[in-house]
Amino acid sequence: MANSEDKTFHCELIDPAGKLLDCEALSVVVPAHDGQLGILRGHMPMLCQLGLGTMKVTPAAGTTGSATPTPGTAGPADLFFFIDGGCALVADNTVTVIAYDALALQDLETAQVEARIDEAARNAGSTTLPAEQRAHESERLRALQKLAESRRPA
């Protein structure tokens, strides 16, 4: 655990496939169901419902943990994850994000995005799914298409 003199806190991201992130962080921004939520060390305890969007983690320099550069490097780059629902628990300088679905954007290949776009398009047009789920899949489709567009070379 980080000492009280520094500005770091522990961050974990878990989805049904397992733990995607386990590191010390300087800041975390999660897509709450009603907008973006920024978290720093000392944040009040809370439980937050997540929506659809991008989670941004600024790892601490020299931190160890999965999905971070090797210790001793000069300030790791921000990490980004596509989040589709779940919850975030903030307590005792620890942020635990449990997502229904999460995708590490730094490791993402175009084929993975295209496969998820195809799945969302099929689900959005399905007549067997409830209207609420089709609406969610339409929103997910738009978010994934936007993500794919932002990854295309200029």
Protein backbone atom coordinates (compact mmCIF):
# COMPACT_ATOMS: atom_id res chain seq x y z
CA MET A 1 0.00 0.00 0.00
CA ALA A 2 1.26 3.50 -0.77
CA ASN A 3 2.25 5.74 2.13
CA SER A 4 0.26 8.84 3.07
CA GLU A 5 3.00 11.19 1.83
CA ASP A 6 2.59 10.35 -1.86
CA LYS A 7 -0.33 10.84 -4.21
CA THR A 8 -0.80 7.26 -5.39
CA PHE A 9 -3.54 4.75 -4.70
CA HIS A 10 -4.28 1.20 -5.78
CA CYS A 11 -6.36 0.52 -8.91
CA GLU A 12 -7.83 -2.75 -10.17
CA LEU A 13 -9.95 -3.49 -13.23
CA ILE A 14 -11.75 -6.82 -13.40
CA ASP A 15 -14.08 -8.19 -16.07
CA PRO A 16 -15.60 -11.67 -16.56
CA ALA A 17 -12.38 -12.89 -18.22
CA GLY A 18 -10.24 -11.89 -15.22
CA LYS A 19 -8.08 -9.06 -13.94
CA LEU A 20 -7.04 -6.61 -16.68
CA LEU A 21 -5.25 -4.10 -14.47
CA ASP A 22 -3.61 -4.12 -11.05
CA CYS A 23 -1.36 -1.10 -10.38
CA GLU A 24 -0.62 2.01 -8.34
CA ALA A 25 -2.17 5.07 -9.98
CA LEU A 26 -2.04 8.85 -9.75
CA SER A 27 -5.54 9.32 -11.18
CA VAL A 28 -8.43 7.33 -12.61
CA VAL A 29 -11.39 8.53 -14.68
CA VAL A 30 -14.31 6.12 -15.09
CA PRO A 31 -17.45 6.37 -17.25
CA ALA A 32 -20.17 6.60 -14.59
CA HIS A 33 -23.75 6.03 -15.69
CA ASP A 34 -24.36 9.79 -15.48
CA GLY A 35 -21.01 11.20 -16.70
CA GLN A 36 -17.27 10.97 -16.15
CA LEU A 37 -15.98 10.52 -12.59
CA GLY A 38 -12.42 11.52 -11.66
CA ILE A 39 -10.70 9.85 -8.72
CA LEU A 40 -7.55 10.91 -6.86
CA ARG A 41 -5.92 9.72 -3.64
CA GLY A 42 -8.11 10.51 -0.63
CA HIS A 43 -11.40 10.35 -2.58
CA MET A 44 -14.39 9.78 -0.32
CA PRO A 45 -15.68 6.20 -0.19
CA MET A 46 -18.36 5.50 -2.77
CA LEU A 47 -19.99 2.91 -4.98
CA CYS A 48 -20.74 4.02 -8.53
CA GLN A 49 -22.73 2.43 -11.35
CA LEU A 50 -20.74 2.47 -14.60
CA GLY A 51 -22.02 3.26 -18.05
CA LEU A 52 -20.53 2.88 -21.51
CA GLY A 53 -17.28 4.71 -22.28
CA THR A 54 -13.55 5.00 -21.75
CA MET A 55 -11.70 4.53 -18.48
CA LYS A 56 -8.39 6.42 -18.19
CA VAL A 57 -5.70 5.42 -15.69
CA THR A 58 -2.55 7.45 -15.05
CA PRO A 59 -0.17 4.94 -13.47
CA ALA A 60 2.43 6.04 -10.96
CA ALA A 61 6.02 6.23 -12.23
CA GLY A 62 7.96 3.09 -11.40
CA THR A 63 4.83 1.21 -10.41
CA THR A 64 4.59 -2.53 -10.70
CA GLY A 65 1.52 -4.38 -11.80
CA SER A 66 -0.12 -5.74 -14.90
CA ALA A 67 -0.69 -3.50 -17.93
CA THR A 68 2.03 -1.05 -16.89
CA PRO A 69 5.54 -0.44 -18.26
CA THR A 70 8.51 -1.86 -16.42
CA PRO A 71 9.58 -0.19 -13.17
CA GLY A 72 12.18 2.52 -13.42
CA THR A 73 10.90 3.98 -16.67
CA ALA A 74 10.35 7.73 -16.84
CA GLY A 75 6.63 8.04 -16.18
CA PRO A 76 4.39 5.40 -17.75
CA ALA A 77 1.87 6.49 -20.34
CA ASP A 78 -1.83 6.72 -19.55
CA LEU A 79 -3.77 3.49 -19.98
CA PHE A 80 -7.19 3.41 -21.62
CA PHE A 81 -9.96 0.79 -21.41
CA PHE A 82 -13.34 0.55 -23.13
CA ILE A 83 -15.91 -0.15 -20.39
CA ASP A 84 -19.46 -1.41 -20.87
CA GLY A 85 -21.26 -1.22 -17.54
CA GLY A 86 -20.46 -2.52 -14.09
CA CYS A 87 -19.56 -0.76 -10.87
CA ALA A 88 -16.64 1.05 -9.26
CA LEU A 89 -15.88 0.87 -5.56
CA VAL A 90 -13.70 3.58 -4.00
CA ALA A 91 -12.53 2.98 -0.42
CA ASP A 92 -9.31 3.24 1.61
CA ASN A 93 -7.31 4.67 -1.32
CA THR A 94 -8.26 1.75 -3.55
CA VAL A 95 -10.38 1.83 -6.70
CA THR A 96 -11.86 -1.49 -7.78
CA VAL A 97 -13.69 -1.48 -11.11
CA ILE A 98 -15.78 -4.53 -11.92
CA ALA A 99 -16.95 -4.26 -15.52
CA TYR A 100 -19.52 -6.32 -17.38
CA ASP A 101 -17.19 -6.02 -20.37
CA ALA A 102 -13.81 -4.29 -20.68
CA LEU A 103 -11.26 -3.97 -23.45
CA ALA A 104 -7.65 -2.79 -23.04
CA LEU A 105 -7.27 -0.20 -25.80
CA GLN A 106 -3.46 -0.13 -25.79
CA ASP A 107 -3.38 -3.83 -26.81
CA LEU A 108 -6.33 -3.65 -29.18
CA GLU A 109 -6.16 -4.87 -32.76
CA THR A 110 -8.49 -3.65 -35.51
CA ALA A 111 -9.94 -7.14 -35.98
CA GLN A 112 -11.08 -7.21 -32.34
CA VAL A 113 -12.92 -3.91 -32.72
CA GLU A 114 -14.51 -5.04 -35.99
CA ALA A 115 -15.70 -8.30 -34.37
CA ARG A 116 -17.34 -6.38 -31.52
CA ILE A 117 -18.92 -3.93 -34.01
CA ASP A 118 -20.39 -6.87 -35.96
CA GLU A 119 -21.75 -8.44 -32.76
CA ALA A 120 -23.31 -5.16 -31.59
CA ALA A 121 -24.87 -4.58 -35.03
CA ARG A 122 -26.39 -8.10 -35.03
CA ASN A 123 -27.75 -7.62 -31.51
CA ALA A 124 -29.12 -4.14 -32.25
CA GLY A 125 -31.09 -5.51 -35.19
CA SER A 126 -32.24 -8.68 -33.47
CA THR A 127 -35.98 -9.19 -33.08
CA THR A 128 -35.48 -11.77 -30.32
CA LEU A 129 -33.88 -9.36 -27.83
CA PRO A 130 -35.92 -7.03 -25.62
CA ALA A 131 -36.20 -3.41 -26.80
CA GLU A 132 -34.08 -2.15 -23.87
CA GLN A 133 -31.21 -4.50 -24.76
CA ARG A 134 -31.45 -3.57 -28.46
CA ALA A 135 -31.22 0.11 -27.47
CA HIS A 136 -28.13 -0.61 -25.38
CA GLU A 137 -26.57 -2.53 -28.27
CA SER A 138 -27.27 0.43 -30.58
CA GLU A 139 -25.48 2.74 -28.13
CA ARG A 140 -22.61 0.24 -27.85
CA LEU A 141 -22.43 0.04 -31.66
CA ARG A 142 -22.11 3.84 -31.94
CA ALA A 143 -19.39 3.91 -29.25
CA LEU A 144 -17.43 1.10 -30.93
CA GLN A 145 -17.74 2.76 -34.35
CA LYS A 146 -16.44 5.99 -32.84
CA LEU A 147 -13.56 4.06 -31.26
CA ALA A 148 -12.74 2.38 -34.58
CA GLU A 149 -12.82 5.74 -36.39
CA SER A 150 -10.43 7.30 -33.85
CA ARG A 151 -7.95 4.45 -34.36
CA ARG A 152 -7.78 4.82 -38.15
CA PRO A 153 -4.65 6.52 -39.49
CA ALA A 154 -5.19 10.06 -40.73
